[in-house]
């Protein structure tokens, strides 16, 4: 059964609303045959990554960057998960099949740096962006919850049997 690994850092209720909506989308009854595994960023391991067929990532934007917890996740799994850098230090293609991922980011004022930082690291992993990044600034309302639901559902549906 294909496995979707959801790695997130949810330090506030606002980010939690997005996480809950994305998970609900990934677990939509219409999507069959996908195991959804959820790991807080500080608990996710390289073994989790290697066992997954796709990824859904979530983070707040902290001081123009992804959360320290999500950065720790990437630092911990990078080489074991097939991460590769070119000789000049830029992102390499990574080895193996390029598995799909989606990303949501919440910021109080801006998400630009956080999105850029995640995409630069993921670009060096054998993953491929399979949906537009969900960037939410400020309060989370019904349109943002719906977009998070759609993101989770999209990534899960790509893995469905």
C-alpha atoms as a PDB file:
ATOM      1  CA  UNK A   1       0.000   0.000   0.000  1.00  0.00           C
ATOM      2  CA  UNK A   2       1.449   3.421  -0.909  1.00  0.00           C
ATOM      3  CA  UNK A   3       2.436   5.538   2.074  1.00  0.00           C
ATOM      4  CA  UNK A   4       2.069   9.311   2.425  1.00  0.00           C
ATOM      5  CA  UNK A   5       4.376  10.740   5.078  1.00  0.00           C
ATOM      6  CA  UNK A   6       3.144  13.977   6.623  1.00  0.00           C
ATOM      7  CA  UNK A   7       5.927  15.879   8.400  1.00  0.00           C
ATOM      8  CA  UNK A   8       4.914  19.037  10.183  1.00  0.00           C
ATOM      9  CA  UNK A   9       5.693  21.542  12.892  1.00  0.00           C
ATOM     10  CA  UNK A  10       2.517  22.867  14.487  1.00  0.00           C
ATOM     11  CA  UNK A  11       3.415  25.281  17.301  1.00  0.00           C
ATOM     12  CA  UNK A  12       0.243  27.405  17.167  1.00  0.00           C
ATOM     13  CA  UNK A  13      -3.501  26.848  16.801  1.00  0.00           C
ATOM     14  CA  UNK A  14      -3.456  28.701  13.474  1.00  0.00           C
ATOM     15  CA  UNK A  15      -0.909  26.324  11.957  1.00  0.00           C
ATOM     16  CA  UNK A  16      -2.837  23.460  13.540  1.00  0.00           C
ATOM     17  CA  UNK A  17      -5.963  24.426  11.600  1.00  0.00           C
ATOM     18  CA  UNK A  18      -4.022  24.101   8.336  1.00  0.00           C
ATOM     19  CA  UNK A  19      -2.490  20.785   9.440  1.00  0.00           C
ATOM     20  CA  UNK A  20      -5.876  19.368  10.404  1.00  0.00           C
ATOM     21  CA  UNK A  21      -7.396  20.416   7.082  1.00  0.00           C
ATOM     22  CA  UNK A  22      -4.509  18.957   5.053  1.00  0.00           C
ATOM     23  CA  UNK A  23      -4.733  15.681   6.976  1.00  0.00           C
ATOM     24  CA  UNK A  24      -8.484  15.529   6.479  1.00  0.00           C
ATOM     25  CA  UNK A  25      -7.933  15.944   2.743  1.00  0.00           C
ATOM     26  CA  UNK A  26      -5.283  13.226   2.674  1.00  0.00           C
ATOM     27  CA  UNK A  27      -7.682  10.916   4.516  1.00  0.00           C
ATOM     28  CA  UNK A  28     -10.729  11.729   2.387  1.00  0.00           C
ATOM     29  CA  UNK A  29     -12.953   8.655   2.010  1.00  0.00           C
ATOM     30  CA  UNK A  30     -12.803   8.948  -1.772  1.00  0.00           C
ATOM     31  CA  UNK A  31      -9.054   8.237  -1.693  1.00  0.00           C
ATOM     32  CA  UNK A  32      -8.513   4.532  -1.217  1.00  0.00           C
ATOM     33  CA  UNK A  33      -5.393   2.481  -0.739  1.00  0.00           C
ATOM     34  CA  UNK A  34      -3.099   5.120   0.795  1.00  0.00           C
ATOM     35  CA  UNK A  35      -1.644   4.861   4.282  1.00  0.00           C
ATOM     36  CA  UNK A  36      -1.232   8.298   5.859  1.00  0.00           C
ATOM     37  CA  UNK A  37       1.598   8.415   8.407  1.00  0.00           C
ATOM     38  CA  UNK A  38       1.922  11.595  10.478  1.00  0.00           C
ATOM     39  CA  UNK A  39       5.153  12.610  12.199  1.00  0.00           C
ATOM     40  CA  UNK A  40       6.014  15.806  14.033  1.00  0.00           C
ATOM     41  CA  UNK A  41       9.174  17.185  12.409  1.00  0.00           C
ATOM     42  CA  UNK A  42      11.297  16.499  15.496  1.00  0.00           C
ATOM     43  CA  UNK A  43      10.247  12.822  15.473  1.00  0.00           C
ATOM     44  CA  UNK A  44      10.406  11.955  11.764  1.00  0.00           C
ATOM     45  CA  UNK A  45      13.321   9.751  10.737  1.00  0.00           C
ATOM     46  CA  UNK A  46      15.170   8.755   7.594  1.00  0.00           C
ATOM     47  CA  UNK A  47      13.467   5.363   7.907  1.00  0.00           C
ATOM     48  CA  UNK A  48      10.098   7.130   7.733  1.00  0.00           C
ATOM     49  CA  UNK A  49      11.229   8.912   4.575  1.00  0.00           C
ATOM     50  CA  UNK A  50      12.621   5.792   2.933  1.00  0.00           C
ATOM     51  CA  UNK A  51       9.360   3.928   3.601  1.00  0.00           C
ATOM     52  CA  UNK A  52       7.225   6.691   2.059  1.00  0.00           C
ATOM     53  CA  UNK A  53       6.013   7.091  -1.499  1.00  0.00           C
ATOM     54  CA  UNK A  54       5.080  10.758  -1.148  1.00  0.00           C
ATOM     55  CA  UNK A  55       5.354  13.637   1.307  1.00  0.00           C
ATOM     56  CA  UNK A  56       3.277  16.438   2.718  1.00  0.00           C
ATOM     57  CA  UNK A  57       5.222  19.077   4.643  1.00  0.00           C
ATOM     58  CA  UNK A  58       3.935  21.849   6.890  1.00  0.00           C
ATOM     59  CA  UNK A  59       5.717  24.655   8.701  1.00  0.00           C
ATOM     60  CA  UNK A  60       5.271  28.125  10.071  1.00  0.00           C
ATOM     61  CA  UNK A  61       7.438  30.896   8.669  1.00  0.00           C
ATOM     62  CA  UNK A  62       9.798  31.893  11.482  1.00  0.00           C
ATOM     63  CA  UNK A  63      11.961  34.971  11.031  1.00  0.00           C
ATOM     64  CA  UNK A  64      11.974  34.511   7.254  1.00  0.00           C
ATOM     65  CA  UNK A  65      12.776  30.793   7.355  1.00  0.00           C
ATOM     66  CA  UNK A  66      11.133  27.415   7.869  1.00  0.00           C
ATOM     67  CA  UNK A  67      10.740  26.312  11.485  1.00  0.00           C
ATOM     68  CA  UNK A  68      13.827  25.031  13.258  1.00  0.00           C
ATOM     69  CA  UNK A  69      12.005  21.729  13.736  1.00  0.00           C
ATOM     70  CA  UNK A  70      11.520  21.210   9.987  1.00  0.00           C
ATOM     71  CA  UNK A  71      15.132  22.227   9.343  1.00  0.00           C
ATOM     72  CA  UNK A  72      16.225  19.639  11.936  1.00  0.00           C
ATOM     73  CA  UNK A  73      14.177  17.040  10.048  1.00  0.00           C
ATOM     74  CA  UNK A  74      15.969  17.837   6.803  1.00  0.00           C
ATOM     75  CA  UNK A  75      19.386  17.891   8.496  1.00  0.00           C
ATOM     76  CA  UNK A  76      18.664  14.502  10.060  1.00  0.00           C
ATOM     77  CA  UNK A  77      17.462  12.680   6.944  1.00  0.00           C
ATOM     78  CA  UNK A  78      19.216  14.403   4.039  1.00  0.00           C
ATOM     79  CA  UNK A  79      21.985  11.968   3.126  1.00  0.00           C
ATOM     80  CA  UNK A  80      20.148   8.773   4.070  1.00  0.00           C
ATOM     81  CA  UNK A  81      17.128   9.893   2.050  1.00  0.00           C
ATOM     82  CA  UNK A  82      19.150  10.332  -1.135  1.00  0.00           C
ATOM     83  CA  UNK A  83      19.992  14.017  -0.869  1.00  0.00           C
ATOM     84  CA  UNK A  84      22.723  15.187  -3.202  1.00  0.00           C
ATOM     85  CA  UNK A  85      24.638  18.373  -3.814  1.00  0.00           C
ATOM     86  CA  UNK A  86      26.526  19.280  -6.966  1.00  0.00           C
ATOM     87  CA  UNK A  87      30.263  19.967  -6.798  1.00  0.00           C
ATOM     88  CA  UNK A  88      29.551  23.697  -6.532  1.00  0.00           C
ATOM     89  CA  UNK A  89      27.250  23.150  -3.523  1.00  0.00           C
ATOM     90  CA  UNK A  90      24.002  23.690  -5.414  1.00  0.00           C
ATOM     91  CA  UNK A  91      21.125  21.236  -5.232  1.00  0.00           C
ATOM     92  CA  UNK A  92      21.776  18.030  -7.094  1.00  0.00           C
ATOM     93  CA  UNK A  93      18.969  15.956  -8.520  1.00  0.00           C
ATOM     94  CA  UNK A  94      19.160  13.321  -5.797  1.00  0.00           C
ATOM     95  CA  UNK A  95      19.147   9.660  -6.670  1.00  0.00           C
ATOM     96  CA  UNK A  96      16.290   7.295  -7.332  1.00  0.00           C
ATOM     97  CA  UNK A  97      12.684   7.845  -8.276  1.00  0.00           C
ATOM     98  CA  UNK A  98      11.418  11.372  -7.730  1.00  0.00           C
ATOM     99  CA  UNK A  99       8.554  11.036  -5.257  1.00  0.00           C
ATOM    100  CA  UNK A 100       5.802  13.701  -5.053  1.00  0.00           C
ATOM    101  CA  UNK A 101       5.568  16.264  -2.288  1.00  0.00           C
ATOM    102  CA  UNK A 102       3.341  19.128  -1.242  1.00  0.00           C
ATOM    103  CA  UNK A 103       4.007  22.003   1.168  1.00  0.00           C
ATOM    104  CA  UNK A 104       1.977  24.382   3.275  1.00  0.00           C
ATOM    105  CA  UNK A 105       3.480  27.391   5.049  1.00  0.00           C
ATOM    106  CA  UNK A 106       1.818  29.835   7.421  1.00  0.00           C
ATOM    107  CA  UNK A 107       3.266  33.235   8.257  1.00  0.00           C
ATOM    108  CA  UNK A 108       1.950  36.127  10.242  1.00  0.00           C
ATOM    109  CA  UNK A 109       3.427  38.671   7.785  1.00  0.00           C
ATOM    110  CA  UNK A 110       5.345  36.807   5.062  1.00  0.00           C
ATOM    111  CA  UNK A 111       6.167  33.289   3.855  1.00  0.00           C
ATOM    112  CA  UNK A 112       8.692  33.984   1.093  1.00  0.00           C
ATOM    113  CA  UNK A 113      11.879  32.987   2.917  1.00  0.00           C
ATOM    114  CA  UNK A 114      10.331  29.894   4.463  1.00  0.00           C
ATOM    115  CA  UNK A 115       9.074  28.631   1.112  1.00  0.00           C
ATOM    116  CA  UNK A 116      12.400  29.360  -0.560  1.00  0.00           C
ATOM    117  CA  UNK A 117      14.340  27.541   2.158  1.00  0.00           C
ATOM    118  CA  UNK A 118      12.191  24.394   1.977  1.00  0.00           C
ATOM    119  CA  UNK A 119      12.223  24.289  -1.823  1.00  0.00           C
ATOM    120  CA  UNK A 120      15.994  24.715  -1.952  1.00  0.00           C
ATOM    121  CA  UNK A 121      16.532  21.691   0.297  1.00  0.00           C
ATOM    122  CA  UNK A 122      13.849  19.561  -1.346  1.00  0.00           C
ATOM    123  CA  UNK A 123      15.452  20.342  -4.710  1.00  0.00           C
ATOM    124  CA  UNK A 124      18.430  18.276  -3.594  1.00  0.00           C
ATOM    125  CA  UNK A 125      16.269  15.291  -2.615  1.00  0.00           C
ATOM    126  CA  UNK A 126      14.772  12.736  -5.006  1.00  0.00           C
ATOM    127  CA  UNK A 127      11.379  14.407  -4.674  1.00  0.00           C
ATOM    128  CA  UNK A 128       9.268  16.410  -7.116  1.00  0.00           C
ATOM    129  CA  UNK A 129       6.853  19.214  -6.371  1.00  0.00           C
ATOM    130  CA  UNK A 130       3.419  17.825  -7.207  1.00  0.00           C
ATOM    131  CA  UNK A 131       1.203  20.746  -6.173  1.00  0.00           C
ATOM    132  CA  UNK A 132       1.447  24.481  -5.823  1.00  0.00           C
ATOM    133  CA  UNK A 133       2.784  25.571  -2.424  1.00  0.00           C
ATOM    134  CA  UNK A 134       0.006  26.704  -0.097  1.00  0.00           C
ATOM    135  CA  UNK A 135       1.166  29.991   1.400  1.00  0.00           C
ATOM    136  CA  UNK A 136      -1.111  31.488   4.035  1.00  0.00           C
ATOM    137  CA  UNK A 137      -0.424  34.881   5.583  1.00  0.00           C
ATOM    138  CA  UNK A 138      -2.410  36.050   8.581  1.00  0.00           C
ATOM    139  CA  UNK A 139      -5.644  34.504   9.744  1.00  0.00           C
ATOM    140  CA  UNK A 140      -6.846  31.150   8.481  1.00  0.00           C
ATOM    141  CA  UNK A 141     -10.403  31.210   7.194  1.00  0.00           C
ATOM    142  CA  UNK A 142     -12.582  28.826   5.245  1.00  0.00           C
ATOM    143  CA  UNK A 143     -10.818  29.439   1.878  1.00  0.00           C
ATOM    144  CA  UNK A 144      -7.443  28.593   3.438  1.00  0.00           C
ATOM    145  CA  UNK A 145      -8.851  25.476   5.128  1.00  0.00           C
ATOM    146  CA  UNK A 146     -10.338  24.366   1.823  1.00  0.00           C
ATOM    147  CA  UNK A 147      -7.017  24.928   0.056  1.00  0.00           C
ATOM    148  CA  UNK A 148      -5.183  22.876   2.701  1.00  0.00           C
ATOM    149  CA  UNK A 149      -7.774  20.102   2.361  1.00  0.00           C
ATOM    150  CA  UNK A 150      -7.285  20.149  -1.402  1.00  0.00           C
ATOM    151  CA  UNK A 151      -3.496  20.013  -1.011  1.00  0.00           C
ATOM    152  CA  UNK A 152      -3.652  16.973   1.263  1.00  0.00           C
ATOM    153  CA  UNK A 153      -6.136  15.266  -1.014  1.00  0.00           C
ATOM    154  CA  UNK A 154      -4.103  15.988  -4.129  1.00  0.00           C
ATOM    155  CA  UNK A 155      -0.892  14.482  -2.794  1.00  0.00           C
ATOM    156  CA  UNK A 156      -2.692  11.427  -1.393  1.00  0.00           C
ATOM    157  CA  UNK A 157      -4.632  10.901  -4.623  1.00  0.00           C
ATOM    158  CA  UNK A 158      -1.380  10.840  -6.599  1.00  0.00           C
ATOM    159  CA  UNK A 159      -0.381   7.804  -4.570  1.00  0.00           C
ATOM    160  CA  UNK A 160      -3.727   5.989  -4.651  1.00  0.00           C
ATOM    161  CA  UNK A 161      -3.835   2.484  -6.055  1.00  0.00           C
END
